[in-house]
Amino acid sequence: MFLDTGQFLNRNALKIALAVLALAAVGMLAGGAGYAYADSPQFCSSCHSMTESAASWQASNHKQFNCTDCHLPHQNLAIKLIVKGKTGMNDTYHEVLRDYPATMVISTQGKAIVNDNCLRCHQSSVENTAMAAGGQDCLKCHRGLVHGMSKSKGGIKVE
């Protein structure tokens, strides 16, 4: 009356394979959509602490780029995902505890990433200057280019 496991698998192998394939495809689509959304400015600006940064970015001449184009490394996908996870957990931690500092300040690692990305995009502009060697601080002169010159207020007020 009941089939043993071997008989069941033999009779339904194609159905099982198609079901697994369909589930894998749905999982990859959901994962890809989630990854794409997490790379978007809409995701980044969804936190209270980032509203001022998002507004200044939207008014800048870099508004066509995602936040992650400047604020995450682009050496390879593994490094990008590790840094994204680390910074995302840090941001979530402070957002949940509502304890962001009163003034948002870019970290040393964040500054290095942004500088690398400036040079990645603007290499042809700086290739005949001292900046081309790397290790330079683009933000020393261009800090206000995207987020304005005032320090972003990151502190979260309890509504």
Protein backbone atom coordinates (compact mmCIF):
# COMPACT_ATOMS: atom_id res chain seq x y z
CA MET A 1 0.00 0.00 0.00
CA PHE A 2 2.76 2.49 0.91
CA LEU A 3 5.74 3.07 -1.37
CA ASP A 4 9.17 2.99 0.11
CA THR A 5 11.39 6.03 -0.39
CA GLY A 6 13.29 4.54 -3.33
CA GLN A 7 10.11 3.71 -5.25
CA PHE A 8 8.63 7.14 -4.51
CA LEU A 9 11.78 8.89 -5.79
CA ASN A 10 11.92 6.73 -8.93
CA ARG A 11 8.30 7.43 -9.83
CA ASN A 12 8.45 11.16 -9.04
CA ALA A 13 12.04 12.10 -9.90
CA LEU A 14 11.07 14.53 -12.66
CA LYS A 15 8.40 16.24 -10.53
CA ILE A 16 10.81 16.56 -7.61
CA ALA A 17 13.58 17.93 -9.84
CA LEU A 18 11.21 20.49 -11.38
CA ALA A 19 9.91 21.52 -7.95
CA VAL A 20 13.46 21.99 -6.64
CA LEU A 21 14.41 23.94 -9.77
CA ALA A 22 11.32 26.17 -9.44
CA LEU A 23 12.04 26.84 -5.75
CA ALA A 24 15.68 27.65 -6.55
CA ALA A 25 14.61 30.06 -9.31
CA VAL A 26 12.12 31.81 -7.01
CA GLY A 27 14.80 32.01 -4.28
CA MET A 28 17.35 33.50 -6.68
CA LEU A 29 14.83 36.03 -8.00
CA ALA A 30 13.84 37.06 -4.47
CA GLY A 31 17.50 37.27 -3.42
CA GLY A 32 18.41 39.32 -6.48
CA ALA A 33 15.49 41.69 -5.96
CA GLY A 34 16.41 42.10 -2.29
CA TYR A 35 20.04 42.77 -3.18
CA ALA A 36 19.04 45.34 -5.82
CA TYR A 37 16.70 47.10 -3.37
CA ALA A 38 19.37 47.13 -0.64
CA ASP A 39 21.68 48.91 -3.13
CA SER A 40 19.12 51.64 -3.82
CA PRO A 41 18.93 55.16 -2.40
CA GLN A 42 15.34 54.42 -1.36
CA PHE A 43 16.63 51.72 0.99
CA CYS A 44 19.48 53.85 2.36
CA SER A 45 17.27 56.86 2.99
CA SER A 46 14.56 54.82 4.71
CA CYS A 47 16.28 55.33 8.08
CA HIS A 48 15.52 58.51 10.04
CA SER A 49 19.22 59.18 10.53
CA MET A 50 19.91 59.30 6.78
CA THR A 51 17.16 61.70 5.67
CA GLU A 52 19.42 64.78 5.61
CA SER A 53 22.18 62.89 3.79
CA ALA A 54 19.66 61.63 1.24
CA ALA A 55 18.24 65.11 0.69
CA SER A 56 21.68 66.66 0.10
CA TRP A 57 22.62 63.79 -2.25
CA GLN A 58 19.38 64.29 -4.23
CA ALA A 59 20.32 67.96 -4.76
CA SER A 60 23.89 67.11 -5.86
CA ASN A 61 25.40 66.46 -9.26
CA HIS A 62 25.94 62.81 -8.21
CA LYS A 63 22.24 62.03 -7.77
CA GLN A 64 22.29 59.57 -10.67
CA PHE A 65 24.48 57.20 -8.60
CA ASN A 66 23.39 54.84 -5.82
CA CYS A 67 24.74 55.40 -2.32
CA THR A 68 26.64 52.13 -2.65
CA ASP A 69 28.48 53.36 -5.75
CA CYS A 70 30.47 55.67 -3.48
CA HIS A 71 30.13 54.14 0.00
CA LEU A 72 30.97 50.48 -0.71
CA PRO A 73 34.15 48.97 -2.17
CA HIS A 74 34.10 47.58 -5.70
CA GLN A 75 37.19 45.32 -5.77
CA ASN A 76 35.01 42.22 -5.87
CA LEU A 77 31.56 41.06 -4.82
CA ALA A 78 32.75 39.19 -1.72
CA ILE A 79 34.47 42.26 -0.24
CA LYS A 80 31.49 44.44 -1.14
CA LEU A 81 29.07 42.06 0.61
CA ILE A 82 31.27 41.80 3.71
CA VAL A 83 31.54 45.58 4.06
CA LYS A 84 27.84 46.00 3.24
CA GLY A 85 26.94 43.52 5.98
CA LYS A 86 29.26 45.14 8.51
CA THR A 87 28.11 48.70 7.86
CA GLY A 88 24.49 47.61 7.55
CA MET A 89 24.60 45.89 10.95
CA ASN A 90 26.26 48.95 12.47
CA ASP A 91 23.65 51.29 10.99
CA THR A 92 20.79 49.02 12.07
CA TYR A 93 22.22 48.75 15.59
CA HIS A 94 22.33 52.54 16.01
CA GLU A 95 18.98 53.05 14.29
CA VAL A 96 17.23 50.56 16.58
CA LEU A 97 18.89 51.93 19.72
CA ARG A 98 18.27 55.47 18.45
CA ASP A 99 21.75 56.52 19.53
CA TYR A 100 23.41 57.89 16.41
CA PRO A 101 25.83 60.68 17.29
CA ALA A 102 24.48 64.21 16.97
CA THR A 103 26.69 64.75 13.92
CA MET A 104 27.27 62.11 11.26
CA VAL A 105 30.98 61.56 10.58
CA ILE A 106 32.45 59.20 7.99
CA SER A 107 34.67 56.49 9.48
CA THR A 108 38.32 56.05 8.52
CA GLN A 109 37.44 52.91 6.54
CA GLY A 110 34.50 54.70 4.93
CA LYS A 111 36.73 57.60 3.93
CA ALA A 112 39.22 55.20 2.29
CA ILE A 113 36.39 53.51 0.38
CA VAL A 114 34.95 56.83 -0.83
CA ASN A 115 38.40 58.05 -1.92
CA ASP A 116 39.03 54.80 -3.83
CA ASN A 117 35.68 55.20 -5.57
CA CYS A 118 36.37 58.85 -6.44
CA LEU A 119 39.55 57.73 -8.17
CA ARG A 120 37.79 54.75 -9.79
CA CYS A 121 35.26 57.04 -11.51
CA HIS A 122 37.46 60.09 -12.06
CA GLN A 123 40.70 58.33 -13.07
CA SER A 124 40.88 60.11 -16.43
CA SER A 125 40.52 63.49 -14.70
CA VAL A 126 43.42 62.90 -12.32
CA GLU A 127 45.71 60.61 -14.33
CA ASN A 128 48.30 63.35 -14.92
CA THR A 129 48.25 64.68 -11.36
CA ALA A 130 49.60 63.57 -7.98
CA MET A 131 46.14 62.19 -7.21
CA ALA A 132 46.60 59.36 -9.74
CA ALA A 133 49.02 57.52 -7.45
CA GLY A 134 46.21 56.89 -4.98
CA GLY A 135 46.36 57.28 -1.23
CA GLN A 136 45.24 60.88 -1.61
CA ASP A 137 42.33 62.46 0.23
CA CYS A 138 39.77 63.59 -2.36
CA LEU A 139 37.48 64.70 0.46
CA LYS A 140 40.04 67.21 1.72
CA CYS A 141 39.01 69.57 -1.09
CA HIS A 142 35.74 68.02 -2.32
CA ARG A 143 33.99 67.07 0.95
CA GLY A 144 30.95 69.23 0.26
CA LEU A 145 30.45 68.08 -3.32
CA VAL A 146 27.70 65.54 -2.67
CA HIS A 147 26.43 66.08 0.89
CA GLY A 148 27.05 69.80 1.32
CA MET A 149 29.51 71.52 3.63
CA SER A 150 27.49 71.35 6.82
CA LYS A 151 27.93 68.29 8.98
CA SER A 152 24.92 66.01 8.55
CA LYS A 153 22.75 65.77 11.59
CA GLY A 154 22.44 62.10 12.36
CA GLY A 155 21.05 62.22 15.86
CA ILE A 156 17.61 60.71 16.14
CA LYS A 157 14.96 62.63 17.98
CA VAL A 158 12.21 60.67 19.70
CA GLU A 159 8.96 61.69 18.04
